[in-house]
Amino acid sequence: MRTIGTQAKGIRLPVIVEGDDLATVVVDSVLNSSKNENFSINDNDIIAITEAVVARAQGNYVTVDEIVIDLKNHFNGEALGLVFPILSRNRFSIILKAISKASQKVYVQLSYPSDEVGNHIITLDQIDEKNIDPYKDNYDEKGFRDIFGKDTIHRFTKIDYIEFYKSLGDNIEIIFSNDPRYILNFSKNVIACDIHSRKRTKRILKGFKDVKVIGLDDIMNSSINGSGYNEDYGLLGSNKASEDRLKLFPRDCYAFVNNVKDKIDKLTGKNINVMIYGDGAFKDPVGKIWEFADPVVSPAYTDGLNGTPNELKLKYLADTKFNGLKGEELNHALTSYIKEKDVLVKDDMESEGTTPRQITDLVGSLCDLISGSGDKGTPVVLVQGYFDNYSNE
């Protein structure tokens, strides 16, 4: 029996810049690593490429001034209300700078005690101590400060995001509410800045007369004077590139993953899978931060990564159907049963406990942990044995 299951290897690449033939670089790097590190490429292996290098190779960037032009096309420079932005220097600060520059007045409505991805302005303990109901109680900045004072420092970044966001423009005012309708007390022109709940926020606000609502996904959907763009996600998934420039989420991603797959398949004779990944969908149990600030884990993947895992619960089988067996007899029984079930419909009870998440969400989360966001220099991850099970020899 095989003694190693799923493996994930970070593959180092040269630093990618605009105009690089990324598909060729990825293929060459994976194959050279296979040769130098003495491992083989197998059927059903997964090559995963981080979205950042795809966007860099595409040159998919926008400047503050280009965002300003698009915003003025939407709102003609009028006052704006922003609902539920996340607390992030990397993800939102440049966007807010552009919005401030494009608008007469900007009202930024923050959710509390935390943003959508778990960054806390205040703690749940503070909420309880002050007998606050975050589902009903709304505040301007003075009212919020009267209750919580200056105890609004982010636990990890040590940033007071209230003060930081106000510093990005002299026309910015901060308010606090978890009700998206509260923003309508300040402006009828609204940008839904939330990520995963944006469709609900838009739907609620569009139900009111004379209210104009768009999302961050509706900004920079097309090129402004030759700029980058993303027709599906706009500014969602963007990252700070400099003090006046953003890298957008990559576009034309399905053509890219299929190109990489075709190249590898032809050179190796193996049927592999390819995906692009961004943030993994996992939550820090200590900091309570859900690091999922991209609109999706994977904007594109080859057909072999569709769907959810079709797995059996070994513990359940060992404790029920094969209770009383042990050692080699148990191993043989489980192996034979899994092989049989691979060609049959697996019972619901026998799959119970295997959470039905998308394969791309699971693999993308694994790859995000492997590659990290720092100086590892491994924006490509090779995942092997992911589709193996206990019966594979």
Protein backbone atom coordinates (compact mmCIF):
# COMPACT_ATOMS: atom_id res chain seq x y z
CA MET A 1 0.00 0.00 0.00
CA ARG A 2 1.17 3.53 -0.80
CA THR A 3 2.44 5.25 2.35
CA ILE A 4 2.15 8.90 1.22
CA GLY A 5 -1.09 10.61 0.31
CA THR A 6 -1.63 14.15 -0.95
CA GLN A 7 1.47 16.30 -1.37
CA ALA A 8 1.75 20.01 -2.21
CA LYS A 9 4.99 21.47 -3.51
CA GLY A 10 5.71 25.16 -3.88
CA ILE A 11 7.38 25.80 -7.25
CA ARG A 12 9.72 28.78 -7.50
CA LEU A 13 9.43 31.10 -10.46
CA PRO A 14 11.47 34.08 -11.60
CA VAL A 15 9.86 37.41 -10.71
CA ILE A 16 7.04 37.94 -13.19
CA VAL A 17 6.59 41.31 -14.90
CA GLU A 18 4.15 42.68 -17.43
CA GLY A 19 4.42 41.03 -20.83
CA ASP A 20 6.02 37.78 -19.67
CA ASP A 21 4.78 34.59 -21.36
CA LEU A 22 3.54 33.23 -18.07
CA ALA A 23 2.15 29.96 -19.42
CA THR A 24 5.58 29.00 -20.79
CA VAL A 25 7.33 30.14 -17.60
CA VAL A 26 4.98 28.02 -15.47
CA VAL A 27 5.38 24.92 -17.64
CA ASP A 28 9.17 25.25 -17.81
CA SER A 29 9.44 25.83 -14.04
CA VAL A 30 7.30 22.81 -13.14
CA LEU A 31 9.14 20.49 -15.52
CA ASN A 32 12.59 21.75 -14.48
CA SER A 33 11.64 21.31 -10.82
CA SER A 34 10.47 17.77 -11.56
CA LYS A 35 13.82 16.97 -13.14
CA ASN A 36 16.00 18.72 -10.55
CA GLU A 37 14.10 17.49 -7.50
CA ASN A 38 13.51 13.98 -8.90
CA PHE A 39 9.74 13.66 -8.89
CA SER A 40 7.39 12.69 -11.71
CA ILE A 41 4.33 14.41 -13.17
CA ASN A 42 1.29 12.15 -12.91
CA ASP A 43 -2.26 11.96 -14.23
CA ASN A 44 -4.64 14.11 -12.15
CA ASP A 45 -1.87 16.29 -10.71
CA ILE A 46 -2.96 19.89 -10.13
CA ILE A 47 -0.88 22.90 -11.13
CA ALA A 48 -2.18 25.98 -9.31
CA ILE A 49 -1.02 29.51 -10.13
CA THR A 50 -1.67 32.48 -7.86
CA GLU A 51 -3.87 35.19 -9.36
CA ALA A 52 -1.27 37.86 -8.59
CA VAL A 53 1.28 36.66 -11.15
CA VAL A 54 -1.42 36.17 -13.78
CA ALA A 55 -2.55 39.78 -13.35
CA ARG A 56 1.06 41.02 -13.30
CA ALA A 57 1.88 39.27 -16.56
CA GLN A 58 -1.28 40.75 -18.09
CA GLY A 59 -0.41 44.25 -16.85
CA ASN A 60 -3.86 44.43 -15.32
CA TYR A 61 -3.36 47.65 -13.34
CA VAL A 62 -5.36 50.84 -12.83
CA THR A 63 -4.38 54.20 -11.36
CA VAL A 64 -6.27 56.42 -8.94
CA ASP A 65 -6.92 58.90 -11.74
CA GLU A 66 -8.39 56.18 -13.98
CA ILE A 67 -10.71 55.07 -11.19
CA VAL A 68 -11.74 58.71 -10.67
CA ILE A 69 -12.78 58.98 -14.32
CA ASP A 70 -14.95 55.85 -14.07
CA LEU A 71 -16.52 57.03 -10.79
CA LYS A 72 -17.42 60.39 -12.31
CA ASN A 73 -19.01 58.56 -15.23
CA HIS A 74 -21.23 56.79 -12.70
CA PHE A 75 -22.00 59.64 -10.26
CA ASN A 76 -20.83 62.92 -11.86
CA GLY A 77 -18.86 63.95 -8.78
CA GLU A 78 -21.83 63.92 -6.38
CA ALA A 79 -21.70 62.93 -2.71
CA LEU A 80 -21.39 59.18 -2.15
CA GLY A 81 -22.23 56.71 0.58
CA LEU A 82 -20.02 53.64 0.94
CA VAL A 83 -21.46 50.59 2.65
CA PHE A 84 -19.44 47.89 4.43
CA PRO A 85 -15.86 48.27 3.16
CA ILE A 86 -13.35 45.92 4.74
CA LEU A 87 -10.60 47.31 6.97
CA SER A 88 -7.50 46.97 4.84
CA ARG A 89 -4.62 49.18 3.78
CA ASN A 90 -3.86 46.74 0.96
CA ARG A 91 -7.40 46.13 -0.28
CA PHE A 92 -9.34 49.36 0.24
CA SER A 93 -7.16 52.38 0.98
CA ILE A 94 -6.33 53.25 -2.64
CA ILE A 95 -9.95 52.72 -3.65
CA LEU A 96 -11.09 55.12 -0.93
CA LYS A 97 -8.47 57.65 -2.00
CA ALA A 98 -9.90 57.56 -5.53
CA ILE A 99 -13.50 57.81 -4.31
CA SER A 100 -12.61 60.83 -2.16
CA LYS A 101 -10.95 62.50 -5.14
CA ALA A 102 -14.00 61.84 -7.34
CA SER A 103 -16.71 63.03 -4.92
CA GLN A 104 -17.93 66.15 -3.16
CA LYS A 105 -18.45 64.24 0.08
CA VAL A 106 -17.92 60.63 1.14
CA TYR A 107 -19.79 58.87 3.94
CA VAL A 108 -18.12 55.58 4.88
CA GLN A 109 -20.45 53.21 6.75
CA LEU A 110 -18.46 50.62 8.67
CA SER A 111 -20.01 47.47 10.09
CA TYR A 112 -19.20 46.69 13.71
CA PRO A 113 -17.82 45.04 15.81
CA SER A 114 -15.97 43.67 12.74
CA ASP A 115 -15.91 43.91 8.99
CA GLU A 116 -17.07 41.20 6.64
CA VAL A 117 -13.82 39.22 6.84
CA GLY A 118 -13.36 39.42 10.60
CA ASN A 119 -11.20 42.52 11.17
CA HIS A 120 -12.46 44.00 14.44
CA ILE A 121 -12.92 47.68 15.18
CA ILE A 122 -14.03 46.74 18.67
CA THR A 123 -14.46 43.41 20.43
CA LEU A 124 -17.56 41.44 21.33
CA ASP A 125 -16.61 41.92 24.97
CA GLN A 126 -16.79 45.70 24.50
CA ILE A 127 -20.21 45.30 22.88
CA ASP A 128 -21.44 43.28 25.84
CA GLU A 129 -19.94 45.63 28.43
CA LYS A 130 -21.70 48.63 26.91
CA ASN A 131 -24.98 46.75 26.43
CA ILE A 132 -24.99 47.57 22.72
CA ASP A 133 -27.21 45.86 20.16
CA PRO A 134 -25.21 45.86 16.89
CA TYR A 135 -28.32 44.78 14.97
CA LYS A 136 -30.21 47.94 15.94
CA ASP A 137 -27.84 50.65 17.15
CA ASN A 138 -26.40 53.12 14.64
CA TYR A 139 -23.83 55.86 15.29
CA ASP A 140 -22.03 58.80 13.80
CA GLU A 141 -18.35 59.00 14.70
CA LYS A 142 -18.91 61.20 17.76
CA GLY A 143 -21.54 58.86 19.16
CA PHE A 144 -19.30 55.86 18.55
CA ARG A 145 -16.31 57.56 20.19
CA ASP A 146 -18.45 58.64 23.17
CA ILE A 147 -19.14 54.98 23.87
CA PHE A 148 -15.89 53.25 22.89
CA GLY A 149 -13.35 56.05 23.08
CA LYS A 150 -10.04 55.41 21.33
CA ASP A 151 -10.09 51.65 21.94
CA THR A 152 -10.40 50.93 18.23
CA ILE A 153 -6.90 49.70 17.40
CA HIS A 154 -6.71 46.62 15.17
CA ARG A 155 -5.26 43.72 17.13
CA PHE A 156 -2.68 42.70 14.52
CA THR A 157 -1.95 45.75 12.35
CA LYS A 158 -2.07 48.20 15.29
CA ILE A 159 -3.93 50.61 12.99
CA ASP A 160 -6.92 52.72 13.99
CA TYR A 161 -8.84 52.31 10.73
CA ILE A 162 -11.30 55.05 11.62
CA GLU A 163 -8.50 57.61 11.71
CA PHE A 164 -6.65 55.99 8.82
CA TYR A 165 -9.63 56.06 6.47
CA LYS A 166 -10.41 59.68 7.41
CA SER A 167 -6.81 60.61 6.56
CA LEU A 168 -7.28 59.56 2.94
CA GLY A 169 -9.39 62.62 2.09
CA ASP A 170 -10.58 65.77 3.82
CA ASN A 171 -14.17 65.09 2.70
CA ILE A 172 -14.53 61.68 4.39
CA GLU A 173 -16.95 61.07 7.28
CA ILE A 174 -17.23 57.77 9.15
CA ILE A 175 -20.51 56.30 10.42
CA PHE A 176 -21.36 52.93 11.96
CA SER A 177 -24.24 50.55 11.29
CA ASN A 178 -24.92 46.97 10.27
CA ASP A 179 -28.08 48.03 8.44
CA PRO A 180 -27.31 48.97 4.81
CA ARG A 181 -30.37 51.25 4.76
CA TYR A 182 -28.77 53.58 7.31
CA ILE A 183 -26.55 55.06 4.59
CA LEU A 184 -29.63 56.53 2.89
CA ASN A 185 -29.82 59.12 5.69
CA PHE A 186 -26.63 60.59 4.22
CA SER A 187 -26.64 59.88 0.47
CA LYS A 188 -28.87 58.40 -2.22
CA ASN A 189 -25.79 57.51 -4.28
CA VAL A 190 -24.30 54.34 -2.83
CA ILE A 191 -21.41 51.99 -3.52
CA ALA A 192 -21.78 48.55 -1.94
CA CYS A 193 -18.20 47.80 -0.91
CA ASP A 194 -18.83 44.39 0.63
CA ILE A 195 -17.51 41.33 -1.15
CA HIS A 196 -19.50 38.17 -0.53
CA SER A 197 -22.72 39.85 0.63
CA ARG A 198 -22.75 42.53 -2.07
CA LYS A 199 -25.70 41.12 -4.02
CA ARG A 200 -27.93 41.24 -0.94
CA THR A 201 -26.78 44.77 -0.08
CA LYS A 202 -27.53 45.99 -3.60
CA ARG A 203 -30.91 44.29 -3.63
CA ILE A 204 -31.97 45.90 -0.35
CA LEU A 205 -30.91 49.40 -1.37
CA LYS A 206 -32.31 49.23 -4.88
CA GLY A 207 -35.74 48.77 -3.34
CA PHE A 208 -35.84 52.48 -2.45
CA LYS A 209 -36.98 55.23 -4.81
CA ASP A 210 -34.38 57.58 -6.32
CA VAL A 211 -31.46 55.53 -4.97
CA LYS A 212 -28.56 54.72 -7.29
CA VAL A 213 -26.53 51.71 -6.18
CA ILE A 214 -23.48 50.04 -7.70
CA GLY A 215 -20.80 47.77 -6.25
CA LEU A 216 -17.05 47.73 -6.41
CA ASP A 217 -17.58 45.01 -9.01
CA ASP A 218 -19.25 47.62 -11.26
CA ILE A 219 -16.22 49.95 -11.29
CA MET A 220 -13.42 49.47 -13.86
CA ASN A 221 -15.38 46.85 -15.83
CA SER A 222 -13.82 48.23 -19.01
CA SER A 223 -10.61 50.00 -19.91
CA ILE A 224 -10.19 53.73 -19.27
CA ASN A 225 -7.65 55.24 -21.67
CA GLY A 226 -5.84 51.90 -22.05
CA SER A 227 -5.96 50.94 -18.37
CA GLY A 228 -6.47 47.46 -16.99
CA TYR A 229 -9.97 46.26 -16.16
CA ASN A 230 -11.96 43.25 -15.04
CA GLU A 231 -15.31 42.81 -16.74
CA ASP A 232 -16.57 40.36 -14.10
CA TYR A 233 -15.24 41.73 -10.80
CA GLY A 234 -14.21 45.35 -11.39
CA LEU A 235 -12.27 46.53 -8.34
CA LEU A 236 -13.09 43.43 -6.28
CA GLY A 237 -10.00 41.33 -5.65
CA SER A 238 -7.67 44.28 -6.25
CA ASN A 239 -4.48 44.88 -4.30
CA LYS A 240 -2.36 47.95 -3.65
CA ALA A 241 0.57 48.12 -6.07
CA SER A 242 1.79 51.60 -5.11
CA GLU A 243 0.40 54.75 -3.50
CA ASP A 244 -1.59 55.58 -6.65
CA ARG A 245 -1.96 52.23 -8.44
CA LEU A 246 -3.93 49.00 -8.00
CA LYS A 247 -3.42 45.52 -9.40
CA LEU A 248 -6.77 44.10 -10.42
CA PHE A 249 -8.00 40.51 -10.30
CA PRO A 250 -6.84 38.76 -13.50
CA ARG A 251 -9.05 38.43 -16.57
CA ASP A 252 -9.27 35.95 -19.50
CA CYS A 253 -8.38 33.25 -16.99
CA TYR A 254 -9.96 30.21 -18.65
CA ALA A 255 -7.86 30.69 -21.77
CA PHE A 256 -4.77 30.78 -19.57
CA VAL A 257 -5.45 27.60 -17.55
CA ASN A 258 -6.34 25.63 -20.66
CA ASN A 259 -3.16 26.86 -22.36
CA VAL A 260 -1.02 25.63 -19.44
CA LYS A 261 -2.85 22.31 -19.39
CA ASP A 262 -2.37 21.77 -23.14
CA LYS A 263 1.36 22.51 -22.91
CA ILE A 264 1.95 20.15 -19.99
CA ASP A 265 -0.23 17.39 -21.45
CA LYS A 266 1.68 17.48 -24.75
CA LEU A 267 5.10 17.51 -23.11
CA THR A 268 4.42 14.82 -20.49
CA GLY A 269 1.59 12.73 -21.93
CA LYS A 270 -0.21 13.16 -18.61
CA ASN A 271 -3.76 14.45 -18.08
CA ILE A 272 -3.29 17.16 -15.46
CA ASN A 273 -5.52 19.89 -13.99
CA VAL A 274 -4.79 23.61 -13.79
CA MET A 275 -6.34 26.37 -11.71
CA ILE A 276 -5.76 29.99 -10.73
CA TYR A 277 -6.19 30.70 -7.02
CA GLY A 278 -6.34 33.76 -4.80
CA ASP A 279 -7.32 33.91 -1.14
CA GLY A 280 -8.06 30.62 0.55
CA ALA A 281 -11.43 30.17 2.24
CA PHE A 282 -10.33 29.53 5.81
CA LYS A 283 -10.71 31.31 9.14
CA ASP A 284 -8.14 32.05 11.83
CA PRO A 285 -9.60 30.59 15.05
CA VAL A 286 -7.59 32.99 17.25
CA GLY A 287 -7.84 36.30 15.42
CA LYS A 288 -11.29 35.42 14.00
CA ILE A 289 -10.18 36.73 10.62
CA TRP A 290 -11.56 35.08 7.51
CA GLU A 291 -8.79 35.81 5.01
CA PHE A 292 -11.12 35.54 2.03
CA ALA A 293 -11.03 39.07 0.57
CA ASP A 294 -11.14 37.98 -3.08
CA PRO A 295 -14.54 37.57 -4.77
CA VAL A 296 -13.84 33.86 -5.43
CA VAL A 297 -11.09 31.41 -4.46
CA SER A 298 -10.54 30.41 -8.08
CA PRO A 299 -11.50 32.59 -11.05
CA ALA A 300 -10.73 29.76 -13.50
CA TYR A 301 -9.93 26.04 -13.54
CA THR A 302 -9.92 23.12 -15.95
CA ASP A 303 -12.86 20.72 -16.17
CA GLY A 304 -11.34 18.05 -13.94
CA LEU A 305 -11.71 20.34 -10.92
CA ASN A 306 -15.46 20.80 -11.20
CA GLY A 307 -17.71 19.74 -8.34
CA THR A 308 -17.20 18.51 -4.80
CA PRO A 309 -15.11 15.58 -3.48
CA ASN A 310 -16.80 12.18 -3.61
CA GLU A 311 -15.34 10.63 -0.50
CA LEU A 312 -16.19 8.01 2.09
CA LYS A 313 -15.77 8.41 5.84
CA LEU A 314 -13.20 5.79 6.86
CA LYS A 315 -13.85 6.22 10.59
CA TYR A 316 -17.57 5.58 10.09
CA LEU A 317 -16.93 2.43 8.02
CA ALA A 318 -14.38 1.08 10.53
CA ASP A 319 -16.80 1.64 13.42
CA THR A 320 -19.91 0.21 11.72
CA LYS A 321 -19.68 -1.99 8.63
CA PHE A 322 -16.28 -3.42 9.61
CA ASN A 323 -16.54 -3.21 13.38
CA GLY A 324 -14.50 -6.02 14.98
CA LEU A 325 -11.89 -6.19 12.24
CA LYS A 326 -8.40 -4.83 12.75
CA GLY A 327 -4.93 -4.81 11.27
CA GLU A 328 -4.43 -6.18 7.77
CA GLU A 329 -7.90 -7.74 7.72
CA LEU A 330 -9.46 -4.29 8.29
CA ASN A 331 -7.18 -2.65 5.74
CA HIS A 332 -8.08 -5.23 3.10
CA ALA A 333 -11.81 -4.89 3.82
CA LEU A 334 -11.71 -1.09 3.56
CA THR A 335 -9.62 -1.15 0.39
CA SER A 336 -11.93 -3.62 -1.34
CA TYR A 337 -15.04 -1.74 -0.27
CA ILE A 338 -13.72 1.63 -1.48
CA LYS A 339 -12.77 0.16 -4.86
CA GLU A 340 -16.29 -1.22 -5.21
CA LYS A 341 -17.89 2.05 -4.16
CA ASP A 342 -15.83 4.04 -6.67
CA VAL A 343 -18.05 2.61 -9.40
CA LEU A 344 -21.28 2.83 -7.37
CA VAL A 345 -23.23 5.65 -5.74
CA LYS A 346 -21.80 6.29 -2.30
CA ASP A 347 -24.27 6.14 0.60
CA ASP A 348 -25.16 9.44 2.29
CA MET A 349 -24.39 8.08 5.76
CA GLU A 350 -21.02 6.75 4.65
CA SER A 351 -20.11 10.22 3.31
CA GLU A 352 -21.50 12.07 6.34
CA GLY A 353 -18.93 14.41 7.86
CA THR A 354 -17.10 15.02 4.57
CA THR A 355 -18.10 18.67 4.18
CA PRO A 356 -19.37 19.25 0.63
CA ARG A 357 -17.10 22.16 -0.32
CA GLN A 358 -16.06 22.84 -3.89
CA ILE A 359 -12.85 21.10 -4.94
CA THR A 360 -11.40 24.43 -6.10
CA ASP A 361 -12.12 26.04 -2.71
CA LEU A 362 -10.36 23.21 -0.89
CA VAL A 363 -7.36 23.04 -3.23
CA GLY A 364 -7.11 26.84 -3.44
CA SER A 365 -7.04 27.10 0.35
CA LEU A 366 -4.27 24.48 0.50
CA CYS A 367 -2.27 26.34 -2.15
CA ASP A 368 -2.73 29.71 -0.43
CA LEU A 369 -1.25 28.25 2.76
CA ILE A 370 1.66 26.74 0.85
CA SER A 371 2.57 29.83 -1.16
CA GLY A 372 1.83 32.40 1.55
CA SER A 373 1.85 36.12 0.81
CA GLY A 374 5.46 36.94 1.63
CA ASP A 375 8.88 36.08 0.27
CA LYS A 376 8.64 32.34 -0.41
CA GLY A 377 8.82 32.98 -4.16
CA THR A 378 6.51 30.06 -4.96
CA PRO A 379 3.49 31.47 -6.83
CA VAL A 380 2.91 28.05 -8.39
CA VAL A 381 1.92 25.02 -6.33
CA LEU A 382 1.97 21.44 -7.61
CA VAL A 383 -0.59 19.27 -5.80
CA GLN A 384 -0.17 15.52 -6.25
CA GLY A 385 -2.32 12.64 -5.05
CA TYR A 386 -5.31 14.84 -4.23
CA PHE A 387 -7.75 12.48 -5.94
CA ASP A 388 -6.19 9.32 -4.49
CA ASN A 389 -7.96 7.37 -1.78
CA TYR A 390 -7.17 4.55 0.64
CA SER A 391 -7.53 1.94 -2.09
CA ASN A 392 -4.77 3.37 -4.33
CA GLU A 393 -1.64 1.23 -4.23
